[in-house]
Amino acid sequence: LNKLYCEVLEFNDKVITFHKKHGFSVEGIFKNQHFSKGRLWDIYRLAIFKKDWNRLSIELPLMRDNKFGPGKTFTHQFSISKEQVLMFSEASSDTNKLHIDDAYSREYGFDKSLVHGFLSGSVFSKIFGTLFPGEGTIYKSQSLEFKSPIYPNTELNAKIHIETKIGNRLKVRTLVLDKDDNPAITGYAEIILPLETA
């Protein structure tokens, strides 16, 4: 086999991008070639040659698995300010005094007012969408179990551990740890990698 080629309708831009990412080149565009849904569409002709296929079949898996394969981890240090807690309380309408009033929280046995669990857990949205994997990541699901209280202005570490990778889908262990490495939040997330890294 010397050459593999395909033809893709212009509106199927995701498939065109997918083929380009895997080494296919656009050989030509058939203008107004296909009539569908009341209009004429262009058809993209894409192809890859044996020499490029052989090279990329070695390079691409290595590139993909280097950073986002099973066993890979990512750590992000962060803290949540009292001001952020108050802003979240207003935005979510969760005005429970446990998150606002230190004296009230102490009556329940806490050192001071608590950060909302979902505000703490939202660090994973930041990580997946902007840091690891980053722009274009689709955040499919998240489980959260709150193990211990989180207080404003304390140092925390969010840790990501990739457990499985099937195609462009990852199952990820998610943790928020306190300064002594004790888990404050545990859970799992499912994400879809961005097109350029899948």
N, C-alpha and C. Protein backbone atom coordinates (compact mmCIF):
# COMPACT_ATOMS: atom_id res chain seq x y z
N LEU A 1 0.86 -1.19 0.00
CA LEU A 1 0.00 0.00 0.00
C LEU A 1 0.89 1.23 0.00
N ASN A 2 0.75 2.07 -1.01
CA ASN A 2 1.60 3.25 -1.13
C ASN A 2 0.92 4.53 -0.66
N LYS A 3 -0.42 4.57 -0.78
CA LYS A 3 -1.12 5.82 -0.49
C LYS A 3 -2.53 5.53 0.01
N LEU A 4 -2.93 6.27 1.06
CA LEU A 4 -4.28 6.18 1.60
C LEU A 4 -4.93 7.54 1.44
N TYR A 5 -6.14 7.57 0.89
CA TYR A 5 -6.79 8.87 0.68
C TYR A 5 -8.26 8.79 1.06
N CYS A 6 -8.86 9.96 1.26
CA CYS A 6 -10.28 10.03 1.58
C CYS A 6 -10.84 11.35 1.06
N GLU A 7 -12.15 11.42 1.01
CA GLU A 7 -12.84 12.64 0.61
C GLU A 7 -13.83 13.01 1.72
N VAL A 8 -13.81 14.27 2.13
CA VAL A 8 -14.62 14.73 3.25
C VAL A 8 -15.38 15.99 2.86
N LEU A 9 -16.68 16.02 3.18
CA LEU A 9 -17.48 17.22 2.90
C LEU A 9 -17.01 18.38 3.77
N GLU A 10 -17.04 19.58 3.21
CA GLU A 10 -16.44 20.75 3.88
C GLU A 10 -17.04 21.05 5.25
N PHE A 11 -18.33 20.74 5.47
CA PHE A 11 -18.93 21.08 6.76
C PHE A 11 -18.46 20.14 7.88
N ASN A 12 -17.80 19.06 7.50
CA ASN A 12 -17.30 18.11 8.51
C ASN A 12 -15.88 18.50 8.91
N ASP A 13 -15.75 19.74 9.43
CA ASP A 13 -14.42 20.27 9.72
C ASP A 13 -13.68 19.49 10.79
N LYS A 14 -14.41 18.83 11.72
CA LYS A 14 -13.73 18.04 12.75
C LYS A 14 -12.99 16.85 12.14
N VAL A 15 -13.61 16.23 11.13
CA VAL A 15 -12.96 15.09 10.49
C VAL A 15 -11.76 15.56 9.67
N ILE A 16 -11.88 16.72 9.03
CA ILE A 16 -10.74 17.29 8.29
C ILE A 16 -9.59 17.56 9.25
N THR A 17 -9.88 18.18 10.40
CA THR A 17 -8.85 18.48 11.40
C THR A 17 -8.23 17.19 11.93
N PHE A 18 -9.07 16.18 12.17
CA PHE A 18 -8.59 14.89 12.68
C PHE A 18 -7.57 14.28 11.71
N HIS A 19 -7.90 14.28 10.41
CA HIS A 19 -6.99 13.69 9.44
C HIS A 19 -5.68 14.48 9.33
N LYS A 20 -5.78 15.80 9.35
CA LYS A 20 -4.55 16.62 9.29
C LYS A 20 -3.65 16.33 10.48
N LYS A 21 -4.27 16.18 11.66
CA LYS A 21 -3.51 15.92 12.87
C LYS A 21 -2.78 14.58 12.78
N HIS A 22 -3.32 13.65 12.03
CA HIS A 22 -2.72 12.32 11.90
C HIS A 22 -1.91 12.16 10.62
N GLY A 23 -1.48 13.31 10.06
CA GLY A 23 -0.50 13.26 8.98
C GLY A 23 -1.03 13.37 7.57
N PHE A 24 -2.35 13.44 7.41
CA PHE A 24 -2.91 13.59 6.07
C PHE A 24 -2.71 15.03 5.58
N SER A 25 -2.51 15.19 4.29
CA SER A 25 -2.40 16.51 3.66
C SER A 25 -3.57 16.71 2.71
N VAL A 26 -4.00 17.96 2.56
CA VAL A 26 -5.05 18.28 1.60
C VAL A 26 -4.43 18.31 0.21
N GLU A 27 -4.92 17.42 -0.67
CA GLU A 27 -4.40 17.36 -2.04
C GLU A 27 -5.17 18.28 -2.98
N GLY A 28 -6.40 18.54 -2.61
CA GLY A 28 -7.20 19.41 -3.47
C GLY A 28 -8.61 19.57 -2.92
N ILE A 29 -9.32 20.53 -3.47
CA ILE A 29 -10.70 20.79 -3.05
C ILE A 29 -11.58 20.80 -4.30
N PHE A 30 -12.58 19.91 -4.31
CA PHE A 30 -13.54 19.90 -5.41
C PHE A 30 -14.64 20.91 -5.08
N LYS A 31 -14.66 22.00 -5.79
CA LYS A 31 -15.58 23.10 -5.49
C LYS A 31 -17.00 22.76 -5.95
N ASN A 32 -17.98 23.05 -5.03
CA ASN A 32 -19.41 22.83 -5.34
C ASN A 32 -19.65 21.45 -5.92
N GLN A 33 -19.09 20.44 -5.29
CA GLN A 33 -19.08 19.08 -5.85
C GLN A 33 -20.28 18.24 -5.42
N HIS A 34 -20.83 18.54 -4.24
CA HIS A 34 -21.87 17.68 -3.67
C HIS A 34 -23.09 18.51 -3.27
N PHE A 35 -24.27 18.07 -3.74
CA PHE A 35 -25.51 18.79 -3.42
C PHE A 35 -26.22 18.09 -2.26
N SER A 36 -26.47 18.84 -1.18
CA SER A 36 -27.15 18.30 -0.01
C SER A 36 -27.75 19.44 0.79
N LYS A 37 -28.93 19.17 1.38
CA LYS A 37 -29.59 20.15 2.23
C LYS A 37 -29.81 21.49 1.52
N GLY A 38 -30.12 21.40 0.25
CA GLY A 38 -30.49 22.58 -0.51
C GLY A 38 -29.34 23.45 -0.99
N ARG A 39 -28.11 22.95 -0.92
CA ARG A 39 -26.99 23.75 -1.40
C ARG A 39 -25.85 22.87 -1.88
N LEU A 40 -24.88 23.47 -2.53
CA LEU A 40 -23.70 22.77 -3.01
C LEU A 40 -22.56 22.90 -2.00
N TRP A 41 -21.83 21.77 -1.80
CA TRP A 41 -20.73 21.76 -0.83
C TRP A 41 -19.42 21.39 -1.52
N ASP A 42 -18.32 21.94 -0.99
CA ASP A 42 -17.00 21.52 -1.45
C ASP A 42 -16.66 20.16 -0.84
N ILE A 43 -15.79 19.42 -1.53
CA ILE A 43 -15.28 18.16 -1.00
C ILE A 43 -13.75 18.26 -0.90
N TYR A 44 -13.24 17.97 0.29
CA TYR A 44 -11.80 17.98 0.52
C TYR A 44 -11.23 16.60 0.23
N ARG A 45 -10.17 16.56 -0.56
CA ARG A 45 -9.44 15.32 -0.83
C ARG A 45 -8.16 15.34 0.02
N LEU A 46 -8.04 14.37 0.94
CA LEU A 46 -6.88 14.27 1.81
C LEU A 46 -6.17 12.96 1.58
N ALA A 47 -4.85 12.95 1.77
CA ALA A 47 -4.09 11.73 1.52
C ALA A 47 -2.85 11.68 2.41
N ILE A 48 -2.38 10.44 2.61
CA ILE A 48 -1.12 10.22 3.32
C ILE A 48 -0.37 9.12 2.58
N PHE A 49 0.96 9.29 2.44
CA PHE A 49 1.78 8.30 1.76
C PHE A 49 2.42 7.34 2.77
N LYS A 50 2.83 6.19 2.28
CA LYS A 50 3.37 5.13 3.13
C LYS A 50 4.52 5.63 4.00
N LYS A 51 5.44 6.40 3.41
CA LYS A 51 6.61 6.86 4.18
C LYS A 51 6.19 7.72 5.36
N ASP A 52 5.16 8.57 5.17
CA ASP A 52 4.68 9.43 6.26
C ASP A 52 3.91 8.60 7.30
N TRP A 53 3.13 7.64 6.83
CA TRP A 53 2.39 6.76 7.74
C TRP A 53 3.34 6.00 8.66
N ASN A 54 4.41 5.44 8.06
CA ASN A 54 5.38 4.68 8.85
C ASN A 54 6.07 5.56 9.89
N ARG A 55 6.40 6.78 9.49
CA ARG A 55 7.07 7.70 10.42
C ARG A 55 6.12 8.10 11.55
N LEU A 56 4.90 8.49 11.22
CA LEU A 56 3.96 8.98 12.21
C LEU A 56 3.42 7.87 13.11
N SER A 57 3.36 6.63 12.60
CA SER A 57 2.88 5.53 13.44
C SER A 57 3.81 5.28 14.61
N ILE A 58 5.06 5.72 14.49
CA ILE A 58 6.01 5.63 15.59
C ILE A 58 5.97 6.90 16.44
N GLU A 59 5.95 8.06 15.79
CA GLU A 59 6.06 9.34 16.50
C GLU A 59 4.80 9.70 17.27
N LEU A 60 3.63 9.53 16.65
CA LEU A 60 2.40 10.02 17.29
C LEU A 60 2.08 9.33 18.61
N PRO A 61 2.13 7.98 18.70
CA PRO A 61 1.85 7.37 20.01
C PRO A 61 2.81 7.83 21.10
N LEU A 62 4.08 8.02 20.74
CA LEU A 62 5.05 8.48 21.73
C LEU A 62 4.70 9.89 22.19
N MET A 63 4.33 10.75 21.24
CA MET A 63 3.95 12.12 21.58
C MET A 63 2.73 12.14 22.48
N ARG A 64 1.73 11.30 22.17
CA ARG A 64 0.50 11.30 22.96
C ARG A 64 0.74 10.78 24.37
N ASP A 65 1.43 9.65 24.48
CA ASP A 65 1.55 8.97 25.77
C ASP A 65 2.54 9.65 26.70
N ASN A 66 3.48 10.44 26.14
CA ASN A 66 4.47 11.10 26.97
C ASN A 66 3.83 11.91 28.08
N LYS A 67 2.81 12.67 27.74
CA LYS A 67 2.26 13.61 28.70
C LYS A 67 0.92 13.16 29.29
N PHE A 68 0.11 12.47 28.51
CA PHE A 68 -1.25 12.18 28.94
C PHE A 68 -1.57 10.69 29.00
N GLY A 69 -0.56 9.85 29.18
CA GLY A 69 -0.78 8.42 29.29
C GLY A 69 -1.05 8.01 30.73
N PRO A 70 -1.54 6.79 30.95
CA PRO A 70 -1.78 6.27 32.30
C PRO A 70 -0.53 6.37 33.16
N GLY A 71 -0.73 6.79 34.40
CA GLY A 71 0.39 6.94 35.33
C GLY A 71 0.94 8.35 35.40
N LYS A 72 0.63 9.19 34.41
CA LYS A 72 1.12 10.56 34.43
C LYS A 72 0.37 11.37 35.48
N THR A 73 1.08 12.31 36.11
CA THR A 73 0.49 13.11 37.18
C THR A 73 0.73 14.59 36.94
N PHE A 74 -0.05 15.41 37.62
CA PHE A 74 0.11 16.87 37.56
C PHE A 74 -0.30 17.43 38.91
N THR A 75 0.47 18.39 39.43
CA THR A 75 0.19 19.01 40.73
C THR A 75 0.09 20.52 40.57
N HIS A 76 -0.88 21.09 41.25
CA HIS A 76 -1.09 22.55 41.19
C HIS A 76 -1.32 23.09 42.59
N GLN A 77 -0.46 24.02 43.01
CA GLN A 77 -0.61 24.62 44.34
C GLN A 77 -1.58 25.80 44.25
N PHE A 78 -2.46 25.92 45.25
CA PHE A 78 -3.43 27.02 45.23
C PHE A 78 -3.94 27.29 46.64
N SER A 79 -4.64 28.39 46.79
CA SER A 79 -5.35 28.71 48.02
C SER A 79 -6.60 29.49 47.64
N ILE A 80 -7.54 29.57 48.55
CA ILE A 80 -8.80 30.27 48.30
C ILE A 80 -8.95 31.34 49.36
N SER A 81 -9.14 32.57 48.93
CA SER A 81 -9.24 33.69 49.86
C SER A 81 -10.65 33.81 50.43
N LYS A 82 -10.74 34.54 51.53
CA LYS A 82 -12.06 34.82 52.12
C LYS A 82 -12.93 35.60 51.14
N GLU A 83 -12.30 36.50 50.39
CA GLU A 83 -13.05 37.28 49.40
C GLU A 83 -13.66 36.37 48.34
N GLN A 84 -12.91 35.36 47.88
CA GLN A 84 -13.43 34.42 46.89
C GLN A 84 -14.59 33.61 47.47
N VAL A 85 -14.49 33.26 48.75
CA VAL A 85 -15.60 32.53 49.41
C VAL A 85 -16.86 33.38 49.40
N LEU A 86 -16.72 34.66 49.74
CA LEU A 86 -17.88 35.55 49.77
C LEU A 86 -18.47 35.75 48.37
N MET A 87 -17.61 35.86 47.37
CA MET A 87 -18.08 36.01 45.98
C MET A 87 -18.82 34.75 45.53
N PHE A 88 -18.28 33.58 45.89
CA PHE A 88 -18.94 32.32 45.52
C PHE A 88 -20.28 32.20 46.24
N SER A 89 -20.30 32.60 47.50
CA SER A 89 -21.53 32.55 48.28
C SER A 89 -22.62 33.37 47.62
N GLU A 90 -22.24 34.54 47.12
CA GLU A 90 -23.21 35.40 46.44
C GLU A 90 -23.63 34.81 45.10
N ALA A 91 -22.65 34.32 44.34
CA ALA A 91 -22.96 33.78 43.01
C ALA A 91 -23.81 32.52 43.07
N SER A 92 -23.56 31.68 44.08
CA SER A 92 -24.28 30.40 44.19
C SER A 92 -25.55 30.50 45.04
N SER A 93 -25.68 31.61 45.76
CA SER A 93 -26.78 31.81 46.73
C SER A 93 -26.69 30.86 47.92
N ASP A 94 -25.52 30.24 48.11
CA ASP A 94 -25.30 29.42 49.30
C ASP A 94 -24.75 30.35 50.40
N THR A 95 -25.66 30.89 51.19
CA THR A 95 -25.27 31.85 52.23
C THR A 95 -25.23 31.20 53.62
N ASN A 96 -25.05 29.89 53.64
CA ASN A 96 -24.90 29.17 54.91
C ASN A 96 -23.83 29.86 55.75
N LYS A 97 -24.17 30.18 57.01
CA LYS A 97 -23.25 30.94 57.86
C LYS A 97 -21.97 30.19 58.18
N LEU A 98 -21.94 28.88 57.96
CA LEU A 98 -20.70 28.12 58.14
C LEU A 98 -19.59 28.62 57.22
N HIS A 99 -19.99 29.25 56.10
CA HIS A 99 -19.00 29.75 55.13
C HIS A 99 -18.70 31.24 55.33
N ILE A 100 -19.42 31.89 56.20
CA ILE A 100 -19.33 33.34 56.30
C ILE A 100 -18.92 33.82 57.69
N ASP A 101 -19.41 33.15 58.71
CA ASP A 101 -19.30 33.65 60.08
C ASP A 101 -18.38 32.73 60.90
N ASP A 102 -17.21 33.25 61.31
CA ASP A 102 -16.25 32.45 62.08
C ASP A 102 -16.83 31.97 63.40
N ALA A 103 -17.50 32.86 64.12
CA ALA A 103 -18.05 32.51 65.44
C ALA A 103 -19.10 31.41 65.31
N TYR A 104 -19.94 31.53 64.30
CA TYR A 104 -20.97 30.51 64.06
C TYR A 104 -20.33 29.16 63.75
N SER A 105 -19.27 29.17 62.93
CA SER A 105 -18.59 27.92 62.56
C SER A 105 -17.93 27.26 63.76
N ARG A 106 -17.39 28.07 64.67
CA ARG A 106 -16.75 27.51 65.86
C ARG A 106 -17.75 26.78 66.76
N GLU A 107 -19.02 27.23 66.72
CA GLU A 107 -20.06 26.54 67.49
C GLU A 107 -20.24 25.10 67.01
N TYR A 108 -19.89 24.85 65.75
CA TYR A 108 -20.02 23.50 65.18
C TYR A 108 -18.70 22.73 65.26
N GLY A 109 -17.70 23.29 65.96
CA GLY A 109 -16.45 22.58 66.17
C GLY A 109 -15.36 22.86 65.16
N PHE A 110 -15.58 23.81 64.24
CA PHE A 110 -14.55 24.16 63.25
C PHE A 110 -13.69 25.30 63.78
N ASP A 111 -12.49 25.43 63.22
CA ASP A 111 -11.57 26.50 63.66
C ASP A 111 -12.08 27.88 63.27
N LYS A 112 -12.68 27.95 62.08
CA LYS A 112 -13.25 29.20 61.56
C LYS A 112 -14.17 28.85 60.40
N SER A 113 -14.62 29.85 59.66
CA SER A 113 -15.56 29.58 58.57
C SER A 113 -14.90 28.73 57.48
N LEU A 114 -15.71 27.97 56.76
CA LEU A 114 -15.25 26.98 55.80
C LEU A 114 -15.37 27.47 54.36
N VAL A 115 -14.48 26.99 53.53
CA VAL A 115 -14.63 27.17 52.08
C VAL A 115 -15.70 26.20 51.60
N HIS A 116 -16.58 26.64 50.70
CA HIS A 116 -17.57 25.76 50.10
C HIS A 116 -16.87 24.57 49.42
N GLY A 117 -17.45 23.39 49.57
CA GLY A 117 -16.86 22.22 48.93
C GLY A 117 -16.74 22.36 47.42
N PHE A 118 -17.80 22.88 46.79
CA PHE A 118 -17.76 22.98 45.33
C PHE A 118 -16.81 24.07 44.86
N LEU A 119 -16.59 25.09 45.69
CA LEU A 119 -15.59 26.11 45.33
C LEU A 119 -14.20 25.48 45.36
N SER A 120 -13.92 24.69 46.38
CA SER A 120 -12.62 24.00 46.44
C SER A 120 -12.46 23.04 45.26
N GLY A 121 -13.52 22.28 44.97
CA GLY A 121 -13.46 21.31 43.88
C GLY A 121 -13.37 21.93 42.51
N SER A 122 -13.75 23.21 42.41
CA SER A 122 -13.71 23.87 41.09
C SER A 122 -12.29 24.06 40.58
N VAL A 123 -11.28 23.82 41.45
CA VAL A 123 -9.90 23.91 40.99
C VAL A 123 -9.64 22.92 39.85
N PHE A 124 -10.38 21.81 39.83
CA PHE A 124 -10.16 20.83 38.77
C PHE A 124 -10.62 21.37 37.41
N SER A 125 -11.67 22.17 37.43
CA SER A 125 -12.10 22.82 36.19
C SER A 125 -11.01 23.74 35.66
N LYS A 126 -10.39 24.49 36.56
CA LYS A 126 -9.27 25.36 36.17
C LYS A 126 -8.13 24.54 35.58
N ILE A 127 -7.77 23.45 36.28
CA ILE A 127 -6.64 22.64 35.82
C ILE A 127 -6.92 22.06 34.44
N PHE A 128 -8.06 21.36 34.30
CA PHE A 128 -8.35 20.69 33.02
C PHE A 128 -8.49 21.70 31.88
N GLY A 129 -9.14 22.82 32.15
CA GLY A 129 -9.42 23.77 31.07
C GLY A 129 -8.28 24.67 30.68
N THR A 130 -7.30 24.87 31.60
CA THR A 130 -6.25 25.85 31.30
C THR A 130 -4.83 25.34 31.50
N LEU A 131 -4.64 24.27 32.30
CA LEU A 131 -3.27 23.84 32.63
C LEU A 131 -2.93 22.44 32.14
N PHE A 132 -3.81 21.47 32.41
CA PHE A 132 -3.50 20.07 32.12
C PHE A 132 -4.79 19.29 31.90
N PRO A 133 -5.14 18.90 30.69
CA PRO A 133 -4.41 19.08 29.44
C PRO A 133 -4.40 20.53 28.92
N GLY A 134 -5.49 21.33 29.18
CA GLY A 134 -5.49 22.72 28.75
C GLY A 134 -6.63 23.05 27.80
N GLU A 135 -6.45 24.14 27.08
CA GLU A 135 -7.46 24.70 26.18
C GLU A 135 -8.08 23.61 25.28
N GLY A 136 -9.40 23.58 25.25
CA GLY A 136 -10.10 22.62 24.39
C GLY A 136 -10.50 21.34 25.07
N THR A 137 -10.06 21.12 26.31
CA THR A 137 -10.45 19.92 27.06
C THR A 137 -11.95 19.95 27.36
N ILE A 138 -12.61 18.81 27.20
CA ILE A 138 -14.03 18.69 27.53
C ILE A 138 -14.13 17.94 28.85
N TYR A 139 -14.77 18.57 29.83
CA TYR A 139 -14.90 18.05 31.19
C TYR A 139 -16.22 17.30 31.27
N LYS A 140 -16.17 15.96 31.27
CA LYS A 140 -17.39 15.14 31.14
C LYS A 140 -18.08 14.87 32.47
N SER A 141 -17.31 14.53 33.50
CA SER A 141 -17.94 14.20 34.78
C SER A 141 -16.93 14.35 35.91
N GLN A 142 -17.47 14.47 37.13
CA GLN A 142 -16.61 14.62 38.30
C GLN A 142 -17.35 14.10 39.53
N SER A 143 -16.70 13.23 40.29
CA SER A 143 -17.21 12.86 41.61
C SER A 143 -16.34 13.53 42.66
N LEU A 144 -16.95 13.91 43.78
CA LEU A 144 -16.22 14.58 44.85
C LEU A 144 -16.65 13.99 46.19
N GLU A 145 -15.66 13.69 47.03
CA GLU A 145 -15.95 13.28 48.40
C GLU A 145 -15.15 14.20 49.32
N PHE A 146 -15.86 14.90 50.22
CA PHE A 146 -15.23 15.88 51.09
C PHE A 146 -14.78 15.20 52.38
N LYS A 147 -13.47 15.11 52.56
CA LYS A 147 -12.89 14.33 53.66
C LYS A 147 -12.62 15.17 54.90
N SER A 148 -12.20 16.41 54.71
CA SER A 148 -11.87 17.26 55.85
C SER A 148 -12.11 18.72 55.47
N PRO A 149 -12.31 19.59 56.47
CA PRO A 149 -12.63 20.99 56.16
C PRO A 149 -11.47 21.72 55.49
N ILE A 150 -11.82 22.66 54.64
CA ILE A 150 -10.84 23.55 54.01
C ILE A 150 -11.16 24.97 54.45
N TYR A 151 -10.12 25.64 54.95
CA TYR A 151 -10.30 27.00 55.44
C TYR A 151 -9.70 28.00 54.44
N PRO A 152 -10.23 29.23 54.43
CA PRO A 152 -9.66 30.25 53.55
C PRO A 152 -8.18 30.52 53.85
N ASN A 153 -7.46 30.90 52.80
CA ASN A 153 -6.06 31.33 52.91
C ASN A 153 -5.13 30.25 53.45
N THR A 154 -5.43 28.99 53.13
CA THR A 154 -4.52 27.90 53.49
C THR A 154 -3.92 27.31 52.22
N GLU A 155 -2.67 26.86 52.32
CA GLU A 155 -1.99 26.27 51.16
C GLU A 155 -2.56 24.88 50.87
N LEU A 156 -2.89 24.66 49.62
CA LEU A 156 -3.45 23.38 49.18
C LEU A 156 -2.74 22.91 47.92
N ASN A 157 -2.77 21.61 47.70
CA ASN A 157 -2.26 21.04 46.45
C ASN A 157 -3.36 20.23 45.80
N ALA A 158 -3.64 20.55 44.53
CA ALA A 158 -4.54 19.72 43.73
C ALA A 158 -3.67 18.76 42.93
N LYS A 159 -4.00 17.47 43.00
CA LYS A 159 -3.21 16.46 42.28
C LYS A 159 -4.10 15.70 41.32
N ILE A 160 -3.56 15.49 40.14
CA ILE A 160 -4.24 14.77 39.07
C ILE A 160 -3.41 13.52 38.76
N HIS A 161 -4.06 12.38 38.69
CA HIS A 161 -3.37 11.13 38.34
C HIS A 161 -4.19 10.43 37.26
N ILE A 162 -3.60 10.27 36.08
CA ILE A 162 -4.30 9.60 34.97
C ILE A 162 -4.30 8.10 35.22
N GLU A 163 -5.50 7.52 35.28
CA GLU A 163 -5.61 6.08 35.54
C GLU A 163 -5.78 5.28 34.25
N THR A 164 -6.64 5.76 33.35
CA THR A 164 -6.82 5.05 32.08
C THR A 164 -6.94 6.05 30.93
N LYS A 165 -6.56 5.60 29.75
CA LYS A 165 -6.70 6.39 28.53
C LYS A 165 -7.22 5.47 27.44
N ILE A 166 -8.42 5.74 26.96
CA ILE A 166 -8.99 4.98 25.85
C ILE A 166 -9.30 5.98 24.75
N GLY A 167 -8.54 5.89 23.67
CA GLY A 167 -8.68 6.89 22.61
C GLY A 167 -8.32 8.26 23.16
N ASN A 168 -9.26 9.20 23.07
CA ASN A 168 -9.01 10.55 23.58
C ASN A 168 -9.70 10.80 24.93
N ARG A 169 -10.16 9.73 25.58
CA ARG A 169 -10.87 9.86 26.85
C ARG A 169 -10.00 9.39 28.01
N LEU A 170 -9.94 10.21 29.04
CA LEU A 170 -9.15 9.89 30.22
C LEU A 170 -10.04 9.71 31.43
N LYS A 171 -9.70 8.73 32.27
CA LYS A 171 -10.27 8.64 33.60
C LYS A 171 -9.17 9.06 34.56
N VAL A 172 -9.48 10.05 35.41
CA VAL A 172 -8.46 10.72 36.20
C VAL A 172 -8.83 10.70 37.67
N ARG A 173 -7.89 10.35 38.52
CA ARG A 173 -8.06 10.46 39.98
C ARG A 173 -7.78 11.90 40.36
N THR A 174 -8.66 12.51 41.16
CA THR A 174 -8.51 13.91 41.55
C THR A 174 -8.42 14.01 43.07
N LEU A 175 -7.47 14.82 43.54
CA LEU A 175 -7.24 14.98 44.98
C LEU A 175 -6.96 16.44 45.30
N VAL A 176 -7.48 16.88 46.44
CA VAL A 176 -7.02 18.13 47.05
C VAL A 176 -6.40 17.75 48.38
N LEU A 177 -5.14 18.12 48.57
CA LEU A 177 -4.40 17.76 49.78
C LEU A 177 -4.04 19.00 50.58
N ASP A 178 -4.05 18.88 51.91
CA ASP A 178 -3.63 20.01 52.74
C ASP A 178 -2.10 20.04 52.81
N LYS A 179 -1.57 20.99 53.58
CA LYS A 179 -0.11 21.19 53.62
C LYS A 179 0.62 19.97 54.17
N ASP A 180 -0.08 19.11 54.90
CA ASP A 180 0.53 17.89 55.44
C ASP A 180 0.27 16.67 54.57
N ASP A 181 -0.24 16.92 53.37
CA ASP A 181 -0.53 15.85 52.39
C ASP A 181 -1.70 14.97 52.80
N ASN A 182 -2.55 15.45 53.68
CA ASN A 182 -3.77 14.71 54.01
C ASN A 182 -4.87 15.07 53.01
N PRO A 183 -5.66 14.08 52.56
CA PRO A 183 -6.69 14.38 51.56
C PRO A 183 -7.85 15.17 52.16
N ALA A 184 -8.16 16.28 51.54
CA ALA A 184 -9.34 17.07 51.91
C ALA A 184 -10.50 16.75 50.96
N ILE A 185 -10.17 16.49 49.70
CA ILE A 185 -11.18 16.11 48.70
C ILE A 185 -10.61 14.97 47.86
N THR A 186 -11.41 13.94 47.63
CA THR A 186 -11.02 12.88 46.71
C THR A 186 -12.11 12.70 45.66
N GLY A 187 -11.77 12.08 44.55
CA GLY A 187 -12.78 11.84 43.53
C GLY A 187 -12.17 11.37 42.22
N TYR A 188 -13.02 11.28 41.23
CA TYR A 188 -12.62 10.89 39.89
C TYR A 188 -13.27 11.82 38.87
N ALA A 189 -12.55 12.03 37.77
CA ALA A 189 -13.10 12.83 36.68
C ALA A 189 -12.92 12.07 35.37
N GLU A 190 -13.78 12.39 34.41
CA GLU A 190 -13.62 11.90 33.04
C GLU A 190 -13.52 13.12 32.15
N ILE A 191 -12.50 13.13 31.31
CA ILE A 191 -12.29 14.25 30.39
C ILE A 191 -12.01 13.73 28.99
N ILE A 192 -12.24 14.60 28.02
CA ILE A 192 -11.90 14.31 26.63
C ILE A 192 -10.77 15.27 26.23
N LEU A 193 -9.68 14.72 25.72
CA LEU A 193 -8.51 15.53 25.37
C LEU A 193 -8.83 16.50 24.23
N PRO A 194 -8.15 17.64 24.21
CA PRO A 194 -8.29 18.56 23.07
C PRO A 194 -7.87 17.88 21.77
N LEU A 195 -8.40 18.37 20.66
CA LEU A 195 -8.12 17.77 19.36
C LEU A 195 -6.64 17.67 19.06
N GLU A 196 -5.88 18.73 19.40
CA GLU A 196 -4.47 18.74 19.03
C GLU A 196 -3.61 17.82 19.88
N THR A 197 -4.15 17.30 21.00
CA THR A 197 -3.35 16.42 21.85
C THR A 197 -3.90 15.00 21.91
N ALA A 198 -5.10 14.76 21.35
CA ALA A 198 -5.76 13.45 21.50
C ALA A 198 -4.98 12.35 20.80
